[in-house]
Amino acid sequence: MLMVESQHPNVPNIVGGLGCLTEDAKRCNLCCFEPPPPEIGKCKHMTPEGCDLHGSSDQPETCREFHCSKGMSVLADPMITDPVVRRAITNKLLWFLEMGVSSALISEKQAEKFANQIQSLNYVYQFPSEE
């Protein structure tokens, strides 16, 4: 199986690293814990560590193109004001962090730090009061 370079090698991710690496240079594959897109169907490549095709030439293009930084860039965009969209993206990114802790990819302390960074992006846009 030929390994390919990340399509996002210099893009910061939600676990403090670049591309698909954590701060301490472990392979980050949190996105692989997400259910696969319909065109892929039930994924037979999931292991307790994530996708066994992650970063290989056999990885489906849909999966290879995904990067958690896309959600971060949406949250950082003050023009995206729909609170439903912003909350959905925030919740998805926080879920990725929970998966990172439960799979021992990142520590609880790291997850808390990154969760605070994600949450702070929502203060760029103030959610309407729910009162």
C-alpha atoms as a PDB file:
ATOM      1  CA  MET A   1       0.000   0.000   0.000  1.00  0.00           C
ATOM      2  CA  LEU A   2       1.535   3.304  -1.107  1.00  0.00           C
ATOM      3  CA  MET A   3       1.441   6.068   1.522  1.00  0.00           C
ATOM      4  CA  VAL A   4       0.618   9.517   0.222  1.00  0.00           C
ATOM      5  CA  GLU A   5       1.365  12.908   1.697  1.00  0.00           C
ATOM      6  CA  SER A   6      -1.470  14.621   3.493  1.00  0.00           C
ATOM      7  CA  GLN A   7      -3.487  16.994   1.341  1.00  0.00           C
ATOM      8  CA  HIS A   8      -3.341  19.392   4.279  1.00  0.00           C
ATOM      9  CA  PRO A   9       0.317  19.177   5.434  1.00  0.00           C
ATOM     10  CA  ASN A  10       0.666  22.700   6.849  1.00  0.00           C
ATOM     11  CA  VAL A  11      -2.887  23.339   7.994  1.00  0.00           C
ATOM     12  CA  PRO A  12      -3.422  23.566  11.779  1.00  0.00           C
ATOM     13  CA  ASN A  13      -5.843  20.948  13.084  1.00  0.00           C
ATOM     14  CA  ILE A  14      -8.064  20.831  16.167  1.00  0.00           C
ATOM     15  CA  VAL A  15      -5.519  18.853  18.214  1.00  0.00           C
ATOM     16  CA  GLY A  16      -2.703  21.387  18.000  1.00  0.00           C
ATOM     17  CA  GLY A  17      -0.718  19.825  15.182  1.00  0.00           C
ATOM     18  CA  LEU A  18      -0.410  20.325  11.456  1.00  0.00           C
ATOM     19  CA  GLY A  19      -2.046  18.313   8.725  1.00  0.00           C
ATOM     20  CA  CYS A  20      -2.932  14.935  10.200  1.00  0.00           C
ATOM     21  CA  LEU A  21      -0.426  14.956  13.068  1.00  0.00           C
ATOM     22  CA  THR A  22      -0.956  15.779  16.726  1.00  0.00           C
ATOM     23  CA  GLU A  23       1.235  18.190  18.720  1.00  0.00           C
ATOM     24  CA  ASP A  24       3.470  15.272  19.666  1.00  0.00           C
ATOM     25  CA  ALA A  25       3.641  13.953  16.072  1.00  0.00           C
ATOM     26  CA  LYS A  26       1.170  11.068  16.433  1.00  0.00           C
ATOM     27  CA  ARG A  27      -1.050  10.430  13.437  1.00  0.00           C
ATOM     28  CA  CYS A  28      -4.376  12.163  14.008  1.00  0.00           C
ATOM     29  CA  ASN A  29      -7.276  10.305  12.504  1.00  0.00           C
ATOM     30  CA  LEU A  30     -10.168  11.622  14.571  1.00  0.00           C
ATOM     31  CA  CYS A  31     -12.132  12.340  11.405  1.00  0.00           C
ATOM     32  CA  CYS A  32     -12.040   8.609  10.675  1.00  0.00           C
ATOM     33  CA  PHE A  33     -14.294   7.976  13.676  1.00  0.00           C
ATOM     34  CA  GLU A  34     -17.066   9.836  11.898  1.00  0.00           C
ATOM     35  CA  PRO A  35     -19.535   7.612  10.008  1.00  0.00           C
ATOM     36  CA  PRO A  36     -18.393   7.221   6.390  1.00  0.00           C
ATOM     37  CA  PRO A  37     -20.134   9.115   3.598  1.00  0.00           C
ATOM     38  CA  PRO A  38     -22.983   7.286   1.791  1.00  0.00           C
ATOM     39  CA  GLU A  39     -20.901   6.684  -1.353  1.00  0.00           C
ATOM     40  CA  ILE A  40     -18.494   4.603   0.731  1.00  0.00           C
ATOM     41  CA  GLY A  41     -21.102   2.723   2.759  1.00  0.00           C
ATOM     42  CA  LYS A  42     -20.246   0.718   5.851  1.00  0.00           C
ATOM     43  CA  CYS A  43     -16.518   1.138   6.346  1.00  0.00           C
ATOM     44  CA  LYS A  44     -14.592  -2.088   6.868  1.00  0.00           C
ATOM     45  CA  HIS A  45     -11.322  -0.234   7.471  1.00  0.00           C
ATOM     46  CA  MET A  46     -12.066   1.069  10.970  1.00  0.00           C
ATOM     47  CA  THR A  47      -9.845  -0.175  13.772  1.00  0.00           C
ATOM     48  CA  PRO A  48      -9.720   0.980  17.407  1.00  0.00           C
ATOM     49  CA  GLU A  49      -7.059   3.469  16.247  1.00  0.00           C
ATOM     50  CA  GLY A  50      -9.163   4.810  13.374  1.00  0.00           C
ATOM     51  CA  CYS A  51      -9.006   4.071   9.647  1.00  0.00           C
ATOM     52  CA  ASP A  52      -6.346   1.616   8.508  1.00  0.00           C
ATOM     53  CA  LEU A  53      -6.326   3.330   5.076  1.00  0.00           C
ATOM     54  CA  HIS A  54      -5.666   6.810   6.516  1.00  0.00           C
ATOM     55  CA  GLY A  55      -2.937   8.463   4.454  1.00  0.00           C
ATOM     56  CA  SER A  56      -2.659   5.624   1.949  1.00  0.00           C
ATOM     57  CA  SER A  57      -3.227   5.750  -1.795  1.00  0.00           C
ATOM     58  CA  ASP A  58      -6.203   3.407  -1.200  1.00  0.00           C
ATOM     59  CA  GLN A  59      -8.005   5.946   0.988  1.00  0.00           C
ATOM     60  CA  PRO A  60     -11.192   7.157  -0.739  1.00  0.00           C
ATOM     61  CA  GLU A  61     -10.920  10.691  -2.129  1.00  0.00           C
ATOM     62  CA  THR A  62     -13.908  11.833  -0.055  1.00  0.00           C
ATOM     63  CA  CYS A  63     -12.064  10.890   3.111  1.00  0.00           C
ATOM     64  CA  ARG A  64      -8.715  12.246   1.917  1.00  0.00           C
ATOM     65  CA  GLU A  65     -10.220  15.667   1.166  1.00  0.00           C
ATOM     66  CA  PHE A  66     -11.778  16.077   4.613  1.00  0.00           C
ATOM     67  CA  HIS A  67      -9.885  18.035   7.288  1.00  0.00           C
ATOM     68  CA  CYS A  68     -11.126  19.288  10.638  1.00  0.00           C
ATOM     69  CA  SER A  69      -9.680  22.736   9.900  1.00  0.00           C
ATOM     70  CA  LYS A  70     -12.602  23.340   7.542  1.00  0.00           C
ATOM     71  CA  GLY A  71     -14.908  23.503  10.566  1.00  0.00           C
ATOM     72  CA  MET A  72     -12.487  25.815  12.361  1.00  0.00           C
ATOM     73  CA  SER A  73     -12.378  28.181   9.382  1.00  0.00           C
ATOM     74  CA  VAL A  74     -16.183  28.306   9.294  1.00  0.00           C
ATOM     75  CA  LEU A  75     -16.293  29.225  12.982  1.00  0.00           C
ATOM     76  CA  ALA A  76     -13.641  31.901  12.445  1.00  0.00           C
ATOM     77  CA  ASP A  77     -15.685  33.505   9.644  1.00  0.00           C
ATOM     78  CA  PRO A  78     -17.811  36.331  11.115  1.00  0.00           C
ATOM     79  CA  MET A  79     -19.951  36.320   7.949  1.00  0.00           C
ATOM     80  CA  ILE A  80     -21.391  32.916   8.880  1.00  0.00           C
ATOM     81  CA  THR A  81     -23.971  34.007  11.393  1.00  0.00           C
ATOM     82  CA  ASP A  82     -26.479  31.150  11.380  1.00  0.00           C
ATOM     83  CA  PRO A  83     -26.412  29.967  15.014  1.00  0.00           C
ATOM     84  CA  VAL A  84     -27.638  26.488  14.053  1.00  0.00           C
ATOM     85  CA  VAL A  85     -24.697  26.019  11.671  1.00  0.00           C
ATOM     86  CA  ARG A  86     -22.210  27.414  14.182  1.00  0.00           C
ATOM     87  CA  ARG A  87     -23.499  25.207  17.017  1.00  0.00           C
ATOM     88  CA  ALA A  88     -23.517  22.101  14.809  1.00  0.00           C
ATOM     89  CA  ILE A  89     -19.902  22.667  13.770  1.00  0.00           C
ATOM     90  CA  THR A  90     -18.835  23.448  17.333  1.00  0.00           C
ATOM     91  CA  ASN A  91     -20.507  20.275  18.594  1.00  0.00           C
ATOM     92  CA  LYS A  92     -18.874  18.164  15.867  1.00  0.00           C
ATOM     93  CA  LEU A  93     -15.401  19.527  16.658  1.00  0.00           C
ATOM     94  CA  LEU A  94     -15.925  18.985  20.394  1.00  0.00           C
ATOM     95  CA  TRP A  95     -17.101  15.435  19.639  1.00  0.00           C
ATOM     96  CA  PHE A  96     -13.850  14.827  17.721  1.00  0.00           C
ATOM     97  CA  LEU A  97     -11.945  15.927  20.846  1.00  0.00           C
ATOM     98  CA  GLU A  98     -13.957  13.529  23.027  1.00  0.00           C
ATOM     99  CA  MET A  99     -13.047  10.731  20.625  1.00  0.00           C
ATOM    100  CA  GLY A 100      -9.403  11.801  20.847  1.00  0.00           C
ATOM    101  CA  VAL A 101      -9.440  11.416  24.623  1.00  0.00           C
ATOM    102  CA  SER A 102     -11.339   8.107  24.596  1.00  0.00           C
ATOM    103  CA  SER A 103      -8.916   6.656  22.011  1.00  0.00           C
ATOM    104  CA  ALA A 104      -5.876   7.990  23.951  1.00  0.00           C
ATOM    105  CA  LEU A 105      -4.800  10.118  21.003  1.00  0.00           C
ATOM    106  CA  ILE A 106      -4.762  13.244  23.176  1.00  0.00           C
ATOM    107  CA  SER A 107      -4.876  13.871  26.910  1.00  0.00           C
ATOM    108  CA  GLU A 108      -7.820  15.402  28.743  1.00  0.00           C
ATOM    109  CA  LYS A 109      -5.670  18.472  29.409  1.00  0.00           C
ATOM    110  CA  GLN A 110      -4.925  18.853  25.677  1.00  0.00           C
ATOM    111  CA  ALA A 111      -8.587  18.343  24.809  1.00  0.00           C
ATOM    112  CA  GLU A 112      -9.621  21.031  27.288  1.00  0.00           C
ATOM    113  CA  LYS A 113      -7.122  23.487  25.789  1.00  0.00           C
ATOM    114  CA  PHE A 114      -8.340  22.835  22.242  1.00  0.00           C
ATOM    115  CA  ALA A 115     -12.000  22.885  23.307  1.00  0.00           C
ATOM    116  CA  ASN A 116     -11.451  26.358  24.770  1.00  0.00           C
ATOM    117  CA  GLN A 117      -9.934  27.503  21.464  1.00  0.00           C
ATOM    118  CA  ILE A 118     -12.918  26.125  19.543  1.00  0.00           C
ATOM    119  CA  GLN A 119     -15.387  27.694  21.969  1.00  0.00           C
ATOM    120  CA  SER A 120     -13.592  31.050  21.742  1.00  0.00           C
ATOM    121  CA  LEU A 121     -14.228  31.147  17.991  1.00  0.00           C
ATOM    122  CA  ASN A 122     -17.920  31.398  18.761  1.00  0.00           C
ATOM    123  CA  TYR A 123     -17.315  34.668  20.552  1.00  0.00           C
ATOM    124  CA  VAL A 124     -16.316  36.200  17.212  1.00  0.00           C
ATOM    125  CA  TYR A 125     -20.014  35.885  16.509  1.00  0.00           C
ATOM    126  CA  GLN A 126     -22.316  36.407  19.473  1.00  0.00           C
ATOM    127  CA  PHE A 127     -25.171  33.905  19.495  1.00  0.00           C
ATOM    128  CA  PRO A 128     -28.601  35.488  19.898  1.00  0.00           C
ATOM    129  CA  SER A 129     -29.986  35.270  23.404  1.00  0.00           C
ATOM    130  CA  GLU A 130     -32.152  32.199  23.961  1.00  0.00           C
ATOM    131  CA  GLU A 131     -34.330  33.948  26.540  1.00  0.00           C
END
